[in-house]
């Protein structure tokens, strides 16, 4: 038997110490439990459940075991418990194979087709208009006006300005010194020197 002490707790919360765990090869494995009051009990291993923290849980109470004990033998109460383990696994069922078959057939279909034709005529107009002309309809005919801006050159006489010319006559008087020349002929008699036969002068 294993002699490592392990804590065991009954269903009322009382604690004891397992001083000897049952061996694996025993026909009726039992654990020796030391209580706080000093009493010892032999408890069948089937009443003990190991917990995750290493302790053991007792499905009975220590008081019940002590009350039913006779001599050194402990009261044995067989307790069974059913545990449910739920799991799932893949199971291969029936296999099926699906084939798709395409059937072709020829059928006669009456289809109505509609076609339209457009006749375009260009009609020269060449007249001036005051404003843009809208698209109009004449029966089934749509008339689309085509406009064009043209430059108009017109020659006219423009009187730009007039020049007025007035002739004025003004008469003024002023005094100036003017030198005038006048010739005069003076005739003087010349004495004759009778002795010499010539005039002097």
Protein backbone atom coordinates (compact mmCIF):
# COMPACT_ATOMS: atom_id res chain seq x y z
CA UNK A 1 0.00 0.00 0.00
CA UNK A 2 1.08 3.59 -0.63
CA UNK A 3 2.03 5.43 2.59
CA UNK A 4 1.98 9.01 1.26
CA UNK A 5 -0.54 11.05 3.37
CA UNK A 6 -3.38 12.55 1.32
CA UNK A 7 -6.27 14.77 2.45
CA UNK A 8 -9.78 13.30 2.18
CA UNK A 9 -13.01 15.30 2.65
CA UNK A 10 -16.38 13.66 3.35
CA UNK A 11 -19.78 14.88 2.15
CA UNK A 12 -20.25 17.06 5.27
CA UNK A 13 -16.95 18.86 4.82
CA UNK A 14 -15.00 17.04 7.54
CA UNK A 15 -11.40 16.43 6.73
CA UNK A 16 -9.24 13.37 7.30
CA UNK A 17 -5.86 12.18 6.29
CA UNK A 18 -5.31 9.10 4.16
CA UNK A 19 -2.21 7.52 5.62
CA UNK A 20 -2.23 4.53 3.28
CA UNK A 21 -3.71 4.31 -0.21
CA UNK A 22 -4.86 0.93 -1.55
CA UNK A 23 -2.57 -0.99 -3.84
CA UNK A 24 -3.55 -1.83 -7.40
CA UNK A 25 -3.20 -5.60 -6.93
CA UNK A 26 -5.42 -5.90 -3.85
CA UNK A 27 -8.62 -7.97 -4.23
CA UNK A 28 -10.65 -5.48 -2.14
CA UNK A 29 -8.64 -2.27 -2.09
CA UNK A 30 -9.12 -0.12 1.02
CA UNK A 31 -7.61 3.14 2.22
CA UNK A 32 -6.62 3.82 5.83
CA UNK A 33 -7.94 7.20 6.99
CA UNK A 34 -6.77 9.02 10.12
CA UNK A 35 -9.45 11.37 11.59
CA UNK A 36 -8.83 14.46 13.69
CA UNK A 37 -10.26 12.72 16.78
CA UNK A 38 -7.59 10.04 16.47
CA UNK A 39 -9.88 7.34 15.10
CA UNK A 40 -8.86 5.32 12.07
CA UNK A 41 -11.14 3.90 9.38
CA UNK A 42 -10.67 1.45 6.56
CA UNK A 43 -12.65 2.86 3.65
CA UNK A 44 -13.23 0.91 0.43
CA UNK A 45 -11.55 2.57 -2.50
CA UNK A 46 -14.82 2.63 -4.46
CA UNK A 47 -16.15 5.32 -2.07
CA UNK A 48 -13.21 7.64 -2.81
CA UNK A 49 -12.96 9.97 -5.80
CA UNK A 50 -9.70 11.74 -6.62
CA UNK A 51 -10.03 15.49 -7.23
CA UNK A 52 -8.04 17.72 -9.59
CA UNK A 53 -6.06 19.26 -6.71
CA UNK A 54 -4.84 15.81 -5.51
CA UNK A 55 -7.29 15.44 -2.61
CA UNK A 56 -10.00 12.77 -2.35
CA UNK A 57 -13.77 13.19 -1.99
CA UNK A 58 -15.68 10.67 0.20
CA UNK A 59 -19.24 9.89 -0.91
CA UNK A 60 -20.27 9.19 2.72
CA UNK A 61 -19.66 10.94 6.02
CA UNK A 62 -17.10 9.93 8.62
CA UNK A 63 -19.85 9.84 11.27
CA UNK A 64 -21.82 7.24 9.34
CA UNK A 65 -18.77 5.06 9.01
CA UNK A 66 -17.93 5.37 12.71
CA UNK A 67 -21.50 4.56 13.79
CA UNK A 68 -21.62 1.40 11.68
CA UNK A 69 -18.12 0.20 12.54
CA UNK A 70 -17.89 -3.07 14.53
CA UNK A 71 -14.53 -3.73 16.14
CA UNK A 72 -11.76 -2.96 13.72
CA UNK A 73 -13.97 -3.56 10.69
CA UNK A 74 -15.50 -0.56 9.00
CA UNK A 75 -19.06 -0.44 7.73
CA UNK A 76 -19.24 -1.25 4.06
CA UNK A 77 -22.10 0.28 2.12
CA UNK A 78 -21.96 -0.43 -1.57
CA UNK A 79 -22.75 2.69 -3.55
CA UNK A 80 -22.91 2.69 -7.29
CA UNK A 81 -22.91 5.67 -9.60
CA UNK A 82 -23.58 5.86 -13.27
CA UNK A 83 -21.58 8.33 -15.25
CA UNK A 84 -22.53 9.56 -18.69
CA UNK A 85 -19.88 10.24 -21.29
CA UNK A 86 -21.15 11.94 -24.42
CA UNK A 87 -19.06 11.97 -27.56
CA UNK A 88 -19.40 11.89 -31.28
CA UNK A 89 -17.55 10.24 -34.11
CA UNK A 90 -17.79 10.21 -37.83
CA UNK A 91 -19.52 7.18 -39.32
CA UNK A 92 -19.43 6.61 -43.02
CA UNK A 93 -22.91 6.02 -44.36
CA UNK A 94 -24.10 5.19 -47.81
CA UNK A 95 -22.30 6.57 -50.82
CA UNK A 96 -24.12 7.95 -53.80
CA UNK A 97 -22.84 9.03 -57.20
CA UNK A 98 -24.66 11.76 -59.09
CA UNK A 99 -24.32 12.08 -62.85
CA UNK A 100 -25.79 14.95 -64.82
CA UNK A 101 -27.01 14.20 -68.32
CA UNK A 102 -27.70 17.01 -70.80
CA UNK A 103 -30.31 16.36 -73.49
CA UNK A 104 -30.42 18.48 -76.62
CA UNK A 105 -33.43 18.97 -78.87
CA UNK A 106 -34.26 21.08 -81.93
CA UNK A 107 -37.43 23.15 -81.93
CA UNK A 108 -38.97 25.61 -84.39
CA UNK A 109 -39.53 29.05 -82.93
CA UNK A 110 -41.43 31.86 -84.65
CA UNK A 111 -39.64 35.10 -83.91
CA UNK A 112 -40.90 38.53 -84.99
CA UNK A 113 -38.10 40.90 -85.95
CA UNK A 114 -38.57 44.64 -86.47
CA UNK A 115 -36.18 46.79 -88.47
CA UNK A 116 -36.20 50.53 -89.16
CA UNK A 117 -34.54 52.62 -91.83
CA UNK A 118 -33.82 56.31 -91.72
CA UNK A 119 -33.97 58.56 -94.80
CA UNK A 120 -31.93 61.72 -94.55
CA UNK A 121 -32.46 64.68 -96.89
CA UNK A 122 -30.62 67.95 -96.79
CA UNK A 123 -32.71 70.97 -97.79
CA UNK A 124 -30.79 74.25 -98.31
CA UNK A 125 -32.54 77.29 -96.76
CA UNK A 126 -29.97 80.15 -96.61
CA UNK A 127 -32.12 82.75 -94.91
CA UNK A 128 -31.41 84.81 -91.86
CA UNK A 129 -33.28 84.28 -88.61
CA UNK A 130 -33.56 86.47 -85.55
CA UNK A 131 -33.24 83.66 -82.93
CA UNK A 132 -32.26 79.96 -82.76
CA UNK A 133 -34.78 77.59 -84.33
CA UNK A 134 -36.02 74.59 -82.32
CA UNK A 135 -36.30 71.02 -83.59
CA UNK A 136 -39.77 70.37 -85.03
CA UNK A 137 -41.75 67.45 -86.41
CA UNK A 138 -43.65 67.39 -89.67
CA UNK A 139 -45.62 64.16 -89.47
CA UNK A 140 -43.12 61.31 -89.08
CA UNK A 141 -40.28 63.55 -90.20
CA UNK A 142 -38.06 65.27 -87.67
CA UNK A 143 -36.60 68.53 -88.92
CA UNK A 144 -33.31 69.52 -87.33
CA UNK A 145 -32.20 73.08 -88.14
CA UNK A 146 -28.50 73.67 -88.66
CA UNK A 147 -27.41 77.21 -87.78
CA UNK A 148 -24.25 79.00 -88.70
CA UNK A 149 -22.97 82.37 -87.65
CA UNK A 150 -21.76 84.50 -90.55
CA UNK A 151 -19.95 87.86 -90.60
CA UNK A 152 -21.81 90.68 -92.37
CA UNK A 153 -19.74 93.60 -93.78
CA UNK A 154 -21.67 96.79 -94.55
CA UNK A 155 -20.09 100.00 -95.96
CA UNK A 156 -21.59 103.36 -94.85
CA UNK A 157 -20.52 106.99 -94.82
CA UNK A 158 -19.77 108.26 -91.37
CA UNK A 159 -19.55 111.99 -90.66
CA UNK A 160 -16.76 111.90 -88.18
CA UNK A 161 -16.30 115.67 -87.53
CA UNK A 162 -16.66 119.11 -89.10
CA UNK A 163 -14.03 121.86 -89.28
CA UNK A 164 -15.31 125.43 -89.20
CA UNK A 165 -12.96 128.15 -90.76
CA UNK A 166 -13.88 131.87 -90.37
CA UNK A 167 -11.85 134.67 -92.01
CA UNK A 168 -11.59 137.88 -89.97
CA UNK A 169 -10.09 141.20 -91.23
CA UNK A 170 -8.40 143.49 -88.69
CA UNK A 171 -6.94 146.90 -89.47
CA UNK A 172 -4.34 148.47 -87.17
CA UNK A 173 -2.33 151.75 -87.28
CA UNK A 174 1.32 152.18 -86.29
CA UNK A 175 4.01 154.89 -86.72
CA UNK A 176 7.32 154.01 -88.27
CA UNK A 177 10.30 156.04 -89.57
CA UNK A 178 10.65 155.52 -93.28
CA UNK A 179 13.52 156.85 -95.38
CA UNK A 180 12.44 158.00 -98.76
CA UNK A 181 14.82 158.92 -101.54
CA UNK A 182 14.06 161.51 -104.12
CA UNK A 183 16.28 162.65 -106.87
CA UNK A 184 16.42 166.24 -108.06
CA UNK A 185 18.35 167.71 -110.91
CA UNK A 186 20.03 171.08 -110.30
CA UNK A 187 21.20 172.92 -113.32
CA UNK A 188 23.92 175.49 -112.69
CA UNK A 189 25.54 177.60 -115.28
CA UNK A 190 29.24 176.90 -115.88
CA UNK A 191 31.45 179.98 -116.52
CA UNK A 192 33.53 179.77 -119.67
CA UNK A 193 37.12 180.81 -119.71
CA UNK A 194 37.23 182.48 -122.86
CA UNK A 195 40.98 182.83 -122.78
CA UNK A 196 41.69 179.10 -122.42
CA UNK A 197 38.82 177.95 -124.28
CA UNK A 198 37.73 175.51 -121.43
CA UNK A 199 35.37 175.50 -118.60
CA UNK A 200 36.44 175.28 -114.95
CA UNK A 201 34.92 173.44 -112.43
